[in-house]
Every structure is written in C-alpha cells, then in structure tokens.
C-alpha cells in the first residue's frame, strides 16, 4: 500500500489547466484536501474548453456494487450537458473509506463509467479513485479527451 505523503496542492491551483492525468490527479487532490471518507461517492465535474475544472463539483452516492443503470443514466444526462457548449468534457473520481489498494470494485466502477461515456459520446478524462490514504488514476482518457 502506498500512502500519499505529497503536500496537498493549494486550492488556488484547482483551476489550472489539465494537460495530463497527473495534472488532473493534482486538481482532485487540491479539491479534496486531506484524505478520509465516511461513504462511497462519485465526484464529477465539467471540464471547460480550456481544460479547466468548472466551479460546480457534483457528488453522487455510490452503491457498493457497480450499477450499470446508474452509470447509464448519469452519462445520458452528462451528454445533454456537454451538448450545450462545444469543447466540454467530464472528470470523475470515486471516493470511499478504506486503507487498502485499488479493489476489483474500484476497477469495475471505472470500466463501467468509461464504457458508458464512450457509448454516449461523453468525453471522459481518466477516472481517479481516492480512499483514506491515496488518490490514484484508474483508467486512461476516452478517445475524445486523449
């Protein structure tokens, strides 16, 4: 297990452009602050056409097991959002309590989100996972964002 002992980036860095998966990981780290979670959540945010996170950070409670209906409905709605302004994309992070490494459930959620994003034509940045000790990248970006 790897503990994230890197300094937490200042919150003012959260609106800097995202050029790679590690940039996005740093933006998430700045937004989340100290790690530690009491429930499983999906965090998602719209990324603008200048590769900056928009101010509205959204959360959705996650069931323990990946739920295809939930991710399908989410990507359906997110498609409607990104259709309103050219160049928008989506960034997602799964957070949950625990001190373990990446689990099969973490990977399953990331695969499901990525597959549904591709199916709905939603440009998706790499999915990240945070628990009580680490924040890691789980996937690669969809073709539209890569």
N, C-alpha and C. Protein backbone atom coordinates (compact mmCIF):
# COMPACT_ATOMS: atom_id res chain seq x y z
N UNK A 1 0.83 -1.17 0.00
CA UNK A 1 0.00 0.00 0.00
C UNK A 1 0.88 1.24 0.00
N UNK A 2 0.46 2.24 -0.76
CA UNK A 2 1.19 3.49 -0.84
C UNK A 2 0.39 4.58 -0.16
N UNK A 3 1.02 5.26 0.77
CA UNK A 3 0.40 6.41 1.40
C UNK A 3 0.77 7.64 0.60
N UNK A 4 -0.18 8.54 0.41
CA UNK A 4 0.08 9.76 -0.34
C UNK A 4 0.63 10.80 0.63
N UNK A 5 1.95 10.89 0.70
CA UNK A 5 2.60 11.84 1.60
C UNK A 5 2.98 13.13 0.91
N UNK A 6 2.58 13.29 -0.35
CA UNK A 6 2.91 14.52 -1.06
C UNK A 6 2.09 15.67 -0.46
N UNK A 7 2.65 16.87 -0.50
CA UNK A 7 1.90 18.01 0.03
C UNK A 7 0.60 18.21 -0.75
N UNK A 8 -0.43 18.63 -0.05
CA UNK A 8 -1.71 18.92 -0.71
C UNK A 8 -1.55 20.24 -1.47
N UNK A 9 -1.83 20.24 -2.78
CA UNK A 9 -1.72 21.49 -3.54
C UNK A 9 -2.69 22.54 -2.98
N UNK A 10 -2.31 23.78 -3.06
CA UNK A 10 -3.18 24.86 -2.63
C UNK A 10 -4.46 24.84 -3.46
N UNK A 11 -5.57 25.16 -2.84
CA UNK A 11 -6.86 25.15 -3.53
C UNK A 11 -6.86 26.08 -4.74
N UNK A 12 -6.04 27.12 -4.72
CA UNK A 12 -5.99 28.05 -5.85
C UNK A 12 -5.49 27.38 -7.13
N UNK A 13 -4.82 26.23 -7.01
CA UNK A 13 -4.32 25.53 -8.19
C UNK A 13 -5.41 24.71 -8.87
N UNK A 14 -6.57 24.59 -8.25
CA UNK A 14 -7.64 23.73 -8.79
C UNK A 14 -8.17 24.22 -10.13
N UNK A 15 -7.96 25.49 -10.45
CA UNK A 15 -8.45 25.97 -11.75
C UNK A 15 -7.36 26.08 -12.81
N UNK A 16 -6.19 25.51 -12.54
CA UNK A 16 -5.14 25.48 -13.55
C UNK A 16 -5.49 24.47 -14.64
N UNK A 17 -5.03 24.67 -15.87
CA UNK A 17 -5.36 23.75 -16.96
C UNK A 17 -4.87 22.32 -16.68
N UNK A 18 -5.61 21.37 -17.22
CA UNK A 18 -5.29 19.95 -17.11
C UNK A 18 -4.65 19.53 -18.43
N UNK A 19 -3.41 19.10 -18.39
CA UNK A 19 -2.70 18.67 -19.60
C UNK A 19 -2.45 17.17 -19.63
N UNK A 20 -2.55 16.51 -18.47
CA UNK A 20 -2.29 15.07 -18.40
C UNK A 20 -3.00 14.51 -17.17
N UNK A 21 -2.98 13.18 -17.03
CA UNK A 21 -3.66 12.52 -15.92
C UNK A 21 -3.11 12.97 -14.57
N UNK A 22 -1.80 13.23 -14.48
CA UNK A 22 -1.25 13.66 -13.20
C UNK A 22 -1.71 15.08 -12.84
N UNK A 23 -1.87 15.93 -13.86
CA UNK A 23 -2.43 17.27 -13.59
C UNK A 23 -3.82 17.12 -12.97
N UNK A 24 -4.63 16.24 -13.55
CA UNK A 24 -5.98 16.04 -13.02
C UNK A 24 -5.92 15.47 -11.61
N UNK A 25 -5.01 14.55 -11.38
CA UNK A 25 -4.85 13.99 -10.03
C UNK A 25 -4.52 15.10 -9.03
N UNK A 26 -3.67 16.03 -9.42
CA UNK A 26 -3.32 17.15 -8.55
C UNK A 26 -4.52 18.09 -8.32
N UNK A 27 -5.34 18.28 -9.35
CA UNK A 27 -6.54 19.13 -9.17
C UNK A 27 -7.49 18.47 -8.18
N UNK A 28 -7.70 17.13 -8.34
CA UNK A 28 -8.55 16.42 -7.38
C UNK A 28 -7.98 16.55 -5.97
N UNK A 29 -6.68 16.40 -5.84
CA UNK A 29 -6.04 16.45 -4.52
C UNK A 29 -6.25 17.82 -3.87
N UNK A 30 -6.15 18.88 -4.68
CA UNK A 30 -6.38 20.24 -4.16
C UNK A 30 -7.83 20.41 -3.70
N UNK A 31 -8.76 19.87 -4.47
CA UNK A 31 -10.18 19.99 -4.13
C UNK A 31 -10.56 19.18 -2.90
N UNK A 32 -10.00 17.97 -2.78
CA UNK A 32 -10.39 17.08 -1.68
C UNK A 32 -9.70 17.42 -0.37
N UNK A 33 -8.50 18.00 -0.44
CA UNK A 33 -7.76 18.29 0.79
C UNK A 33 -7.32 17.00 1.46
N UNK A 34 -7.28 16.97 2.79
CA UNK A 34 -6.87 15.75 3.49
C UNK A 34 -7.79 14.58 3.14
N UNK A 35 -7.18 13.43 2.89
CA UNK A 35 -7.97 12.25 2.52
C UNK A 35 -8.63 11.65 3.75
N UNK A 36 -9.81 11.07 3.54
CA UNK A 36 -10.58 10.44 4.60
C UNK A 36 -12.05 10.53 4.24
N UNK A 37 -12.71 9.39 4.13
CA UNK A 37 -14.08 9.37 3.64
C UNK A 37 -14.94 8.46 4.50
N UNK A 38 -16.19 8.85 4.70
CA UNK A 38 -17.11 8.04 5.50
C UNK A 38 -18.11 7.28 4.64
N UNK A 39 -18.17 7.60 3.35
CA UNK A 39 -19.10 6.92 2.45
C UNK A 39 -18.50 6.87 1.05
N UNK A 40 -19.08 6.03 0.20
CA UNK A 40 -18.63 5.92 -1.19
C UNK A 40 -19.39 6.93 -2.04
N UNK A 41 -18.64 7.74 -2.77
CA UNK A 41 -19.23 8.77 -3.61
C UNK A 41 -18.57 8.78 -4.98
N UNK A 42 -19.34 9.20 -5.98
CA UNK A 42 -18.78 9.54 -7.28
C UNK A 42 -18.78 11.05 -7.36
N UNK A 43 -17.61 11.62 -7.53
CA UNK A 43 -17.47 13.05 -7.72
C UNK A 43 -17.33 13.27 -9.22
N UNK A 44 -18.02 14.25 -9.76
CA UNK A 44 -17.85 14.55 -11.18
C UNK A 44 -17.95 16.05 -11.40
N UNK A 45 -17.21 16.49 -12.40
CA UNK A 45 -17.12 17.92 -12.70
C UNK A 45 -16.97 18.09 -14.21
N UNK A 46 -17.53 19.17 -14.71
CA UNK A 46 -17.38 19.51 -16.12
C UNK A 46 -16.03 20.22 -16.29
N UNK A 47 -15.33 19.86 -17.35
CA UNK A 47 -14.06 20.50 -17.72
C UNK A 47 -14.35 21.36 -18.94
N UNK A 48 -13.94 22.63 -18.89
CA UNK A 48 -14.28 23.54 -19.97
C UNK A 48 -13.36 23.37 -21.18
N UNK A 49 -13.59 24.18 -22.21
CA UNK A 49 -12.83 24.06 -23.45
C UNK A 49 -11.38 24.55 -23.32
N UNK A 50 -11.02 25.11 -22.17
CA UNK A 50 -9.63 25.49 -21.90
C UNK A 50 -8.98 24.51 -20.93
N UNK A 51 -9.61 23.34 -20.76
CA UNK A 51 -9.11 22.26 -19.90
C UNK A 51 -9.03 22.65 -18.43
N UNK A 52 -9.98 23.46 -18.00
CA UNK A 52 -10.05 23.87 -16.59
C UNK A 52 -11.34 23.31 -15.97
N UNK A 53 -11.24 22.91 -14.70
CA UNK A 53 -12.42 22.44 -13.99
C UNK A 53 -13.38 23.61 -13.80
N UNK A 54 -14.67 23.37 -14.04
CA UNK A 54 -15.67 24.39 -13.75
C UNK A 54 -15.95 24.39 -12.25
N UNK A 55 -16.53 25.47 -11.72
CA UNK A 55 -16.70 25.57 -10.27
C UNK A 55 -17.69 24.58 -9.63
N UNK A 56 -18.59 24.02 -10.39
CA UNK A 56 -19.61 23.14 -9.80
C UNK A 56 -19.09 21.71 -9.66
N UNK A 57 -18.80 21.31 -8.43
CA UNK A 57 -18.33 19.95 -8.13
C UNK A 57 -19.53 19.16 -7.63
N UNK A 58 -19.84 18.07 -8.31
CA UNK A 58 -21.03 17.28 -8.01
C UNK A 58 -20.67 15.97 -7.34
N UNK A 59 -21.58 15.47 -6.50
CA UNK A 59 -21.39 14.18 -5.83
C UNK A 59 -22.64 13.33 -6.01
N UNK A 60 -22.40 12.04 -6.13
CA UNK A 60 -23.48 11.07 -6.24
C UNK A 60 -23.13 9.88 -5.36
N UNK A 61 -24.04 9.51 -4.47
CA UNK A 61 -23.78 8.37 -3.59
C UNK A 61 -23.68 7.10 -4.42
N UNK A 62 -22.67 6.28 -4.14
CA UNK A 62 -22.45 5.05 -4.89
C UNK A 62 -22.83 3.82 -4.06
N UNK A 63 -23.56 2.90 -4.69
CA UNK A 63 -23.76 1.61 -4.02
C UNK A 63 -22.44 0.83 -4.00
N UNK A 64 -22.38 -0.20 -3.19
CA UNK A 64 -21.15 -0.99 -3.08
C UNK A 64 -20.80 -1.65 -4.40
N UNK A 65 -21.79 -2.22 -5.05
CA UNK A 65 -21.56 -2.90 -6.33
C UNK A 65 -21.80 -1.95 -7.49
N UNK A 66 -20.98 -2.01 -8.52
CA UNK A 66 -21.20 -1.18 -9.70
C UNK A 66 -22.60 -1.38 -10.26
N UNK A 67 -23.21 -0.28 -10.67
CA UNK A 67 -24.60 -0.26 -11.10
C UNK A 67 -24.67 0.31 -12.52
N UNK A 68 -24.91 -0.55 -13.49
CA UNK A 68 -24.93 -0.15 -14.90
C UNK A 68 -26.06 0.84 -15.19
N UNK A 69 -27.20 0.69 -14.53
CA UNK A 69 -28.31 1.63 -14.75
C UNK A 69 -27.91 3.03 -14.29
N UNK A 70 -27.27 3.12 -13.15
CA UNK A 70 -26.85 4.41 -12.60
C UNK A 70 -25.86 5.10 -13.54
N UNK A 71 -24.85 4.38 -14.01
CA UNK A 71 -23.85 5.00 -14.88
C UNK A 71 -24.44 5.35 -16.24
N UNK A 72 -25.37 4.53 -16.74
CA UNK A 72 -26.03 4.83 -18.00
C UNK A 72 -26.84 6.12 -17.88
N UNK A 73 -27.61 6.25 -16.82
CA UNK A 73 -28.42 7.46 -16.62
C UNK A 73 -27.53 8.69 -16.43
N UNK A 74 -26.45 8.53 -15.68
CA UNK A 74 -25.54 9.65 -15.47
C UNK A 74 -24.95 10.12 -16.80
N UNK A 75 -24.46 9.19 -17.60
CA UNK A 75 -23.84 9.58 -18.87
C UNK A 75 -24.88 10.13 -19.85
N UNK A 76 -26.11 9.65 -19.77
CA UNK A 76 -27.19 10.23 -20.59
C UNK A 76 -27.36 11.71 -20.25
N UNK A 77 -27.42 12.01 -18.96
CA UNK A 77 -27.60 13.40 -18.51
C UNK A 77 -26.35 14.25 -18.81
N UNK A 78 -25.18 13.67 -18.60
CA UNK A 78 -23.96 14.43 -18.88
C UNK A 78 -23.81 14.72 -20.36
N UNK A 79 -24.29 13.83 -21.20
CA UNK A 79 -24.28 14.09 -22.65
C UNK A 79 -25.12 15.32 -22.96
N UNK A 80 -26.27 15.44 -22.30
CA UNK A 80 -27.13 16.61 -22.50
C UNK A 80 -26.40 17.89 -22.09
N UNK A 81 -25.64 17.82 -21.02
CA UNK A 81 -24.88 18.98 -20.54
C UNK A 81 -23.79 19.37 -21.54
N UNK A 82 -23.00 18.39 -21.97
CA UNK A 82 -21.88 18.75 -22.85
C UNK A 82 -22.35 19.16 -24.24
N UNK A 83 -23.57 18.79 -24.61
CA UNK A 83 -24.11 19.23 -25.90
C UNK A 83 -24.44 20.72 -25.91
N UNK A 84 -24.52 21.34 -24.73
CA UNK A 84 -24.90 22.75 -24.66
C UNK A 84 -23.76 23.69 -25.06
N UNK A 85 -22.52 23.28 -24.86
CA UNK A 85 -21.36 24.12 -25.16
C UNK A 85 -20.28 23.26 -25.79
N UNK A 86 -19.77 23.63 -26.97
CA UNK A 86 -18.71 22.85 -27.59
C UNK A 86 -17.45 22.81 -26.72
N UNK A 87 -16.77 21.67 -26.75
CA UNK A 87 -15.48 21.54 -26.09
C UNK A 87 -15.51 21.11 -24.64
N UNK A 88 -16.69 20.83 -24.09
CA UNK A 88 -16.76 20.38 -22.70
C UNK A 88 -16.41 18.90 -22.58
N UNK A 89 -15.90 18.52 -21.43
CA UNK A 89 -15.62 17.12 -21.12
C UNK A 89 -15.91 16.91 -19.64
N UNK A 90 -15.75 15.66 -19.18
CA UNK A 90 -16.13 15.29 -17.81
C UNK A 90 -14.94 14.63 -17.11
N UNK A 91 -14.78 14.95 -15.83
CA UNK A 91 -13.79 14.28 -14.98
C UNK A 91 -14.54 13.62 -13.82
N UNK A 92 -14.17 12.37 -13.50
CA UNK A 92 -14.83 11.61 -12.43
C UNK A 92 -13.80 11.07 -11.44
N UNK A 93 -14.21 11.02 -10.18
CA UNK A 93 -13.40 10.44 -9.13
C UNK A 93 -14.30 9.62 -8.22
N UNK A 94 -13.87 8.41 -7.91
CA UNK A 94 -14.57 7.54 -6.97
C UNK A 94 -13.88 7.70 -5.62
N UNK A 95 -14.63 8.02 -4.57
CA UNK A 95 -14.04 8.07 -3.23
C UNK A 95 -14.76 7.08 -2.34
N UNK A 96 -14.00 6.52 -1.40
CA UNK A 96 -14.58 5.54 -0.48
C UNK A 96 -13.70 5.43 0.75
N UNK A 97 -14.29 4.96 1.86
CA UNK A 97 -13.47 4.73 3.04
C UNK A 97 -12.54 3.53 2.81
N UNK A 98 -11.47 3.48 3.54
CA UNK A 98 -10.57 2.33 3.48
C UNK A 98 -9.13 2.73 3.33
N UNK A 99 -8.27 1.78 3.66
CA UNK A 99 -6.83 2.00 3.58
C UNK A 99 -6.18 0.97 2.65
N UNK A 100 -7.00 0.24 1.91
CA UNK A 100 -6.50 -0.80 1.02
C UNK A 100 -6.10 -0.20 -0.32
N UNK A 101 -5.61 -1.06 -1.19
CA UNK A 101 -5.25 -0.63 -2.53
C UNK A 101 -6.48 -0.57 -3.43
N UNK A 102 -6.23 -0.51 -4.72
CA UNK A 102 -7.31 -0.50 -5.70
C UNK A 102 -8.00 -1.86 -5.68
N UNK A 103 -9.31 -1.85 -5.56
CA UNK A 103 -10.08 -3.10 -5.47
C UNK A 103 -10.71 -3.44 -6.82
N UNK A 104 -11.22 -4.67 -6.91
CA UNK A 104 -11.96 -5.07 -8.11
C UNK A 104 -13.17 -4.16 -8.32
N UNK A 105 -13.83 -3.78 -7.23
CA UNK A 105 -14.99 -2.89 -7.34
C UNK A 105 -14.57 -1.52 -7.88
N UNK A 106 -13.44 -0.99 -7.43
CA UNK A 106 -12.93 0.28 -7.96
C UNK A 106 -12.73 0.18 -9.47
N UNK A 107 -12.06 -0.89 -9.89
CA UNK A 107 -11.80 -1.09 -11.32
C UNK A 107 -13.10 -1.27 -12.10
N UNK A 108 -14.04 -2.00 -11.52
CA UNK A 108 -15.32 -2.23 -12.20
C UNK A 108 -16.09 -0.92 -12.38
N UNK A 109 -16.12 -0.09 -11.35
CA UNK A 109 -16.77 1.22 -11.48
C UNK A 109 -16.10 2.03 -12.59
N UNK A 110 -14.78 2.06 -12.60
CA UNK A 110 -14.05 2.84 -13.60
C UNK A 110 -14.32 2.33 -15.01
N UNK A 111 -14.32 1.00 -15.18
CA UNK A 111 -14.60 0.43 -16.51
C UNK A 111 -16.03 0.76 -16.95
N UNK A 112 -16.97 0.66 -16.03
CA UNK A 112 -18.37 0.93 -16.35
C UNK A 112 -18.56 2.40 -16.73
N UNK A 113 -17.98 3.30 -15.97
CA UNK A 113 -18.07 4.73 -16.29
C UNK A 113 -17.46 5.01 -17.66
N UNK A 114 -16.29 4.43 -17.92
CA UNK A 114 -15.61 4.65 -19.19
C UNK A 114 -16.40 4.08 -20.36
N UNK A 115 -16.92 2.87 -20.21
CA UNK A 115 -17.69 2.24 -21.29
C UNK A 115 -18.96 3.03 -21.58
N UNK A 116 -19.67 3.47 -20.54
CA UNK A 116 -20.90 4.23 -20.76
C UNK A 116 -20.60 5.61 -21.34
N UNK A 117 -19.50 6.22 -20.93
CA UNK A 117 -19.11 7.50 -21.51
C UNK A 117 -18.85 7.33 -23.01
N UNK A 118 -18.13 6.28 -23.38
CA UNK A 118 -17.86 6.04 -24.80
C UNK A 118 -19.15 5.78 -25.56
N UNK A 119 -20.03 4.98 -24.97
CA UNK A 119 -21.29 4.64 -25.64
C UNK A 119 -22.16 5.87 -25.87
N UNK A 120 -22.13 6.81 -24.94
CA UNK A 120 -22.94 8.02 -25.05
C UNK A 120 -22.19 9.18 -25.70
N UNK A 121 -20.94 8.96 -26.07
CA UNK A 121 -20.16 10.02 -26.70
C UNK A 121 -19.78 11.14 -25.74
N UNK A 122 -19.57 10.80 -24.47
CA UNK A 122 -19.17 11.78 -23.46
C UNK A 122 -17.65 11.75 -23.33
N UNK A 123 -16.97 12.83 -23.67
CA UNK A 123 -15.51 12.88 -23.49
C UNK A 123 -15.18 12.78 -22.00
N UNK A 124 -14.44 11.75 -21.61
CA UNK A 124 -14.17 11.48 -20.21
C UNK A 124 -12.67 11.46 -19.95
N UNK A 125 -12.24 12.21 -18.97
CA UNK A 125 -10.84 12.19 -18.52
C UNK A 125 -10.60 10.91 -17.73
N UNK A 126 -9.34 10.58 -17.47
CA UNK A 126 -9.07 9.37 -16.69
C UNK A 126 -9.82 9.39 -15.35
N UNK A 127 -10.44 8.26 -15.02
CA UNK A 127 -11.16 8.13 -13.75
C UNK A 127 -10.13 7.93 -12.64
N UNK A 128 -10.35 8.61 -11.52
CA UNK A 128 -9.47 8.51 -10.36
C UNK A 128 -10.22 7.88 -9.19
N UNK A 129 -9.45 7.34 -8.24
CA UNK A 129 -10.02 6.77 -7.01
C UNK A 129 -9.26 7.31 -5.82
N UNK A 130 -10.02 7.77 -4.81
CA UNK A 130 -9.41 8.22 -3.55
C UNK A 130 -10.00 7.41 -2.41
N UNK A 131 -9.12 7.01 -1.49
CA UNK A 131 -9.60 6.41 -0.23
C UNK A 131 -8.93 7.18 0.90
N UNK A 132 -8.83 6.59 2.06
CA UNK A 132 -8.32 7.32 3.22
C UNK A 132 -6.81 7.57 3.18
N UNK A 133 -6.10 6.92 2.25
CA UNK A 133 -4.64 7.06 2.22
C UNK A 133 -4.04 7.39 0.86
N UNK A 134 -4.80 7.26 -0.22
CA UNK A 134 -4.20 7.51 -1.54
C UNK A 134 -5.23 7.98 -2.55
N UNK A 135 -4.72 8.65 -3.57
CA UNK A 135 -5.52 9.10 -4.71
C UNK A 135 -4.77 8.65 -5.95
N UNK A 136 -5.39 7.77 -6.75
CA UNK A 136 -4.70 7.16 -7.89
C UNK A 136 -5.54 7.25 -9.15
N UNK A 137 -4.87 7.17 -10.30
CA UNK A 137 -5.53 7.12 -11.59
C UNK A 137 -5.89 5.67 -11.90
N UNK A 138 -7.15 5.44 -12.34
CA UNK A 138 -7.61 4.09 -12.63
C UNK A 138 -7.69 3.77 -14.12
N UNK A 139 -7.95 4.76 -14.96
CA UNK A 139 -8.17 4.49 -16.38
C UNK A 139 -7.41 5.50 -17.23
N UNK A 140 -7.44 5.24 -18.52
CA UNK A 140 -6.94 6.22 -19.49
C UNK A 140 -8.14 7.03 -19.97
N UNK A 141 -7.86 8.16 -20.59
CA UNK A 141 -8.93 9.01 -21.11
C UNK A 141 -9.62 8.34 -22.28
N UNK A 142 -10.88 8.69 -22.50
CA UNK A 142 -11.56 8.22 -23.71
C UNK A 142 -10.94 8.94 -24.90
N UNK A 143 -11.14 8.39 -26.09
CA UNK A 143 -10.51 8.93 -27.29
C UNK A 143 -10.76 10.42 -27.47
N UNK A 144 -11.95 10.88 -27.11
CA UNK A 144 -12.29 12.28 -27.32
C UNK A 144 -11.46 13.23 -26.46
N UNK A 145 -10.91 12.74 -25.37
CA UNK A 145 -10.14 13.60 -24.47
C UNK A 145 -8.65 13.34 -24.59
N UNK A 146 -8.27 12.15 -25.02
CA UNK A 146 -6.86 11.74 -25.05
C UNK A 146 -6.00 12.70 -25.85
